Amino acid sequence: MDDTNIGWIAAIFIGGIAGWLAEKVTGSNIGILANIILGIIGAGIGSFIFAKLGIVIPGSAWLVYLVAGFVGAALLLLAVRIFYPSRLT
């Protein structure tokens, strides 16, 4: 997962989708810019977690980035919701 080989525009697009999906699953209410940032940061966190656990996601780089971004973004949203419950309403 370290060698995804996607460009910045694709990272922004996929990060936005991953952040939006995480927003919908966790029931948060944040904007599109926050979704993009959350998805991109979430992809880094998700990739790190998957690498440490030895989880390999088969598929194209886009799919791997989307899954890692979704997992990482959802974890970030849940952590914010635990520590700052009034921020995501």
N, C-alpha and C. Protein backbone atom coordinates (compact mmCIF):
# COMPACT_ATOMS: atom_id res chain seq x y z
N MET A 1 0.81 -1.19 0.00
CA MET A 1 0.00 0.00 0.00
C MET A 1 0.85 1.26 0.00
N ASP A 2 2.14 1.11 0.15
CA ASP A 2 3.00 2.28 0.16
C ASP A 2 3.18 2.85 -1.24
N ASP A 3 2.96 2.05 -2.27
CA ASP A 3 3.22 2.48 -3.63
C ASP A 3 1.90 2.58 -4.41
N THR A 4 1.06 3.56 -4.04
CA THR A 4 -0.24 3.67 -4.68
C THR A 4 -0.16 4.33 -6.05
N ASN A 5 0.81 5.19 -6.27
CA ASN A 5 1.03 5.83 -7.57
C ASN A 5 -0.21 6.53 -8.12
N ILE A 6 -0.88 7.30 -7.30
CA ILE A 6 -1.97 8.13 -7.80
C ILE A 6 -1.54 9.58 -7.62
N GLY A 7 -2.02 10.45 -8.48
CA GLY A 7 -1.63 11.85 -8.43
C GLY A 7 -2.41 12.63 -7.38
N TRP A 8 -2.04 13.89 -7.26
CA TRP A 8 -2.68 14.75 -6.26
C TRP A 8 -4.16 14.98 -6.56
N ILE A 9 -4.49 15.15 -7.81
CA ILE A 9 -5.90 15.37 -8.16
C ILE A 9 -6.73 14.14 -7.82
N ALA A 10 -6.19 12.97 -8.14
CA ALA A 10 -6.89 11.73 -7.79
C ALA A 10 -6.98 11.57 -6.28
N ALA A 11 -5.92 11.94 -5.56
CA ALA A 11 -5.94 11.84 -4.10
C ALA A 11 -7.00 12.75 -3.51
N ILE A 12 -7.15 13.95 -4.07
CA ILE A 12 -8.18 14.87 -3.59
C ILE A 12 -9.57 14.32 -3.89
N PHE A 13 -9.76 13.81 -5.10
CA PHE A 13 -11.06 13.26 -5.49
C PHE A 13 -11.42 12.04 -4.64
N ILE A 14 -10.51 11.10 -4.54
CA ILE A 14 -10.77 9.88 -3.76
C ILE A 14 -10.89 10.21 -2.27
N GLY A 15 -10.05 11.13 -1.80
CA GLY A 15 -10.14 11.55 -0.40
C GLY A 15 -11.49 12.17 -0.07
N GLY A 16 -12.02 12.96 -1.02
CA GLY A 16 -13.34 13.54 -0.82
C GLY A 16 -14.42 12.48 -0.72
N ILE A 17 -14.34 11.48 -1.57
CA ILE A 17 -15.32 10.39 -1.53
C ILE A 17 -15.19 9.61 -0.23
N ALA A 18 -13.95 9.29 0.15
CA ALA A 18 -13.73 8.53 1.39
C ALA A 18 -14.22 9.32 2.61
N GLY A 19 -13.93 10.62 2.64
CA GLY A 19 -14.40 11.47 3.74
C GLY A 19 -15.90 11.57 3.78
N TRP A 20 -16.52 11.69 2.59
CA TRP A 20 -17.98 11.77 2.53
C TRP A 20 -18.62 10.48 3.02
N LEU A 21 -18.08 9.33 2.59
CA LEU A 21 -18.60 8.04 3.05
C LEU A 21 -18.47 7.91 4.57
N ALA A 22 -17.32 8.30 5.09
CA ALA A 22 -17.11 8.22 6.54
C ALA A 22 -18.07 9.16 7.28
N GLU A 23 -18.31 10.33 6.70
CA GLU A 23 -19.24 11.27 7.30
C GLU A 23 -20.64 10.67 7.37
N LYS A 24 -21.07 10.02 6.30
CA LYS A 24 -22.41 9.43 6.27
C LYS A 24 -22.53 8.25 7.23
N VAL A 25 -21.50 7.41 7.30
CA VAL A 25 -21.54 6.24 8.18
C VAL A 25 -21.53 6.63 9.65
N THR A 26 -20.74 7.65 10.00
CA THR A 26 -20.64 8.05 11.40
C THR A 26 -21.72 9.05 11.81
N GLY A 27 -22.50 9.54 10.85
CA GLY A 27 -23.58 10.46 11.17
C GLY A 27 -23.10 11.86 11.52
N SER A 28 -21.95 12.25 11.03
CA SER A 28 -21.40 13.58 11.29
C SER A 28 -21.93 14.57 10.26
N ASN A 29 -21.69 15.84 10.49
CA ASN A 29 -22.14 16.86 9.56
C ASN A 29 -21.00 17.86 9.36
N ILE A 30 -20.16 17.59 8.37
CA ILE A 30 -19.04 18.48 8.06
C ILE A 30 -19.10 18.83 6.58
N GLY A 31 -18.32 19.80 6.16
CA GLY A 31 -18.37 20.28 4.78
C GLY A 31 -17.49 19.49 3.83
N ILE A 32 -17.54 19.86 2.55
CA ILE A 32 -16.81 19.15 1.51
C ILE A 32 -15.30 19.30 1.69
N LEU A 33 -14.83 20.48 2.07
CA LEU A 33 -13.40 20.68 2.28
C LEU A 33 -12.90 19.80 3.43
N ALA A 34 -13.68 19.74 4.50
CA ALA A 34 -13.31 18.88 5.62
C ALA A 34 -13.33 17.41 5.21
N ASN A 35 -14.27 17.03 4.34
CA ASN A 35 -14.32 15.66 3.84
C ASN A 35 -13.06 15.31 3.07
N ILE A 36 -12.61 16.22 2.21
CA ILE A 36 -11.41 15.97 1.40
C ILE A 36 -10.20 15.82 2.31
N ILE A 37 -10.03 16.75 3.23
CA ILE A 37 -8.89 16.70 4.14
C ILE A 37 -8.95 15.45 4.99
N LEU A 38 -10.12 15.15 5.50
CA LEU A 38 -10.30 13.97 6.33
C LEU A 38 -10.00 12.69 5.56
N GLY A 39 -10.43 12.61 4.31
CA GLY A 39 -10.17 11.43 3.49
C GLY A 39 -8.70 11.24 3.18
N ILE A 40 -7.99 12.34 2.89
CA ILE A 40 -6.57 12.25 2.58
C ILE A 40 -5.77 11.86 3.83
N ILE A 41 -6.04 12.52 4.94
CA ILE A 41 -5.35 12.16 6.19
C ILE A 41 -5.76 10.75 6.61
N GLY A 42 -7.03 10.43 6.44
CA GLY A 42 -7.51 9.10 6.78
C GLY A 42 -6.84 8.01 5.98
N ALA A 43 -6.52 8.29 4.72
CA ALA A 43 -5.82 7.30 3.89
C ALA A 43 -4.44 7.01 4.46
N GLY A 44 -3.77 8.03 4.94
CA GLY A 44 -2.47 7.82 5.58
C GLY A 44 -2.59 7.00 6.85
N ILE A 45 -3.58 7.31 7.65
CA ILE A 45 -3.79 6.57 8.90
C ILE A 45 -4.22 5.14 8.60
N GLY A 46 -5.16 4.99 7.67
CA GLY A 46 -5.61 3.65 7.30
C GLY A 46 -4.49 2.80 6.72
N SER A 47 -3.66 3.40 5.87
CA SER A 47 -2.52 2.67 5.30
C SER A 47 -1.55 2.23 6.38
N PHE A 48 -1.30 3.11 7.33
CA PHE A 48 -0.40 2.78 8.44
C PHE A 48 -0.96 1.62 9.27
N ILE A 49 -2.25 1.70 9.59
CA ILE A 49 -2.88 0.64 10.39
C ILE A 49 -2.87 -0.69 9.64
N PHE A 50 -3.23 -0.64 8.36
CA PHE A 50 -3.24 -1.88 7.57
C PHE A 50 -1.84 -2.48 7.47
N ALA A 51 -0.83 -1.65 7.29
CA ALA A 51 0.55 -2.15 7.20
C ALA A 51 0.99 -2.78 8.51
N LYS A 52 0.65 -2.16 9.63
CA LYS A 52 1.04 -2.70 10.94
C LYS A 52 0.33 -4.02 11.23
N LEU A 53 -0.90 -4.15 10.76
CA LEU A 53 -1.66 -5.38 11.00
C LEU A 53 -1.40 -6.44 9.94
N GLY A 54 -0.65 -6.08 8.91
CA GLY A 54 -0.35 -7.03 7.83
C GLY A 54 -1.51 -7.28 6.90
N ILE A 55 -2.43 -6.34 6.82
CA ILE A 55 -3.60 -6.48 5.95
C ILE A 55 -3.25 -5.96 4.56
N VAL A 56 -3.50 -6.77 3.55
CA VAL A 56 -3.26 -6.37 2.17
C VAL A 56 -4.60 -6.34 1.45
N ILE A 57 -4.91 -5.21 0.84
CA ILE A 57 -6.16 -5.07 0.12
C ILE A 57 -5.88 -5.28 -1.36
N PRO A 58 -6.45 -6.32 -1.95
CA PRO A 58 -6.22 -6.54 -3.38
C PRO A 58 -7.04 -5.56 -4.20
N GLY A 59 -6.51 -5.19 -5.33
CA GLY A 59 -7.24 -4.30 -6.22
C GLY A 59 -6.38 -3.19 -6.74
N SER A 60 -7.01 -2.28 -7.44
CA SER A 60 -6.28 -1.16 -8.03
C SER A 60 -5.88 -0.16 -6.95
N ALA A 61 -4.97 0.72 -7.30
CA ALA A 61 -4.50 1.73 -6.35
C ALA A 61 -5.64 2.63 -5.88
N TRP A 62 -6.58 2.91 -6.77
CA TRP A 62 -7.71 3.77 -6.41
C TRP A 62 -8.57 3.10 -5.34
N LEU A 63 -8.84 1.81 -5.50
CA LEU A 63 -9.65 1.09 -4.53
C LEU A 63 -8.95 1.00 -3.18
N VAL A 64 -7.67 0.71 -3.21
CA VAL A 64 -6.90 0.61 -1.97
C VAL A 64 -6.91 1.95 -1.24
N TYR A 65 -6.69 3.03 -1.97
CA TYR A 65 -6.69 4.37 -1.38
C TYR A 65 -8.07 4.71 -0.81
N LEU A 66 -9.13 4.33 -1.52
CA LEU A 66 -10.48 4.61 -1.06
C LEU A 66 -10.80 3.85 0.22
N VAL A 67 -10.46 2.57 0.28
CA VAL A 67 -10.73 1.77 1.47
C VAL A 67 -9.92 2.28 2.66
N ALA A 68 -8.63 2.53 2.44
CA ALA A 68 -7.79 3.05 3.52
C ALA A 68 -8.27 4.42 3.98
N GLY A 69 -8.65 5.27 3.02
CA GLY A 69 -9.17 6.60 3.36
C GLY A 69 -10.46 6.53 4.15
N PHE A 70 -11.35 5.64 3.75
CA PHE A 70 -12.61 5.49 4.47
C PHE A 70 -12.38 5.01 5.90
N VAL A 71 -11.57 3.98 6.06
CA VAL A 71 -11.32 3.43 7.39
C VAL A 71 -10.65 4.48 8.28
N GLY A 72 -9.61 5.12 7.77
CA GLY A 72 -8.91 6.14 8.54
C GLY A 72 -9.79 7.33 8.88
N ALA A 73 -10.58 7.80 7.92
CA ALA A 73 -11.47 8.94 8.14
C ALA A 73 -12.55 8.58 9.16
N ALA A 74 -13.11 7.39 9.07
CA ALA A 74 -14.13 6.97 10.03
C ALA A 74 -13.53 6.90 11.44
N LEU A 75 -12.32 6.38 11.55
CA LEU A 75 -11.66 6.33 12.86
C LEU A 75 -11.41 7.73 13.40
N LEU A 76 -10.99 8.65 12.54
CA LEU A 76 -10.78 10.03 12.98
C LEU A 76 -12.09 10.68 13.43
N LEU A 77 -13.15 10.48 12.67
CA LEU A 77 -14.44 11.05 13.06
C LEU A 77 -14.94 10.47 14.37
N LEU A 78 -14.77 9.18 14.56
CA LEU A 78 -15.19 8.57 15.81
C LEU A 78 -14.36 9.06 16.99
N ALA A 79 -13.06 9.26 16.78
CA ALA A 79 -12.20 9.78 17.84
C ALA A 79 -12.61 11.21 18.21
N VAL A 80 -12.89 12.04 17.21
CA VAL A 80 -13.34 13.40 17.49
C VAL A 80 -14.68 13.37 18.21
N ARG A 81 -15.54 12.48 17.80
CA ARG A 81 -16.85 12.37 18.44
C ARG A 81 -16.73 11.93 19.90
N ILE A 82 -15.75 11.10 20.22
CA ILE A 82 -15.55 10.65 21.59
C ILE A 82 -14.99 11.79 22.45
N PHE A 83 -13.98 12.49 21.94
CA PHE A 83 -13.31 13.51 22.74
C PHE A 83 -13.98 14.87 22.68
N TYR A 84 -14.63 15.21 21.58
CA TYR A 84 -15.33 16.50 21.43
C TYR A 84 -16.72 16.25 20.83
N PRO A 85 -17.65 15.76 21.64
CA PRO A 85 -18.95 15.34 21.10
C PRO A 85 -19.77 16.48 20.45
N SER A 86 -19.58 17.71 20.84
CA SER A 86 -20.40 18.79 20.29
C SER A 86 -19.83 19.35 18.99
N ARG A 87 -18.67 18.96 18.54
CA ARG A 87 -18.04 19.53 17.35
C ARG A 87 -18.61 19.01 16.05
N LEU A 88 -19.16 17.84 16.00
CA LEU A 88 -19.60 17.23 14.74
C LEU A 88 -21.10 17.14 14.61
N THR A 89 -21.82 17.99 15.27
CA THR A 89 -23.29 17.93 15.16
C THR A 89 -23.81 18.96 14.21
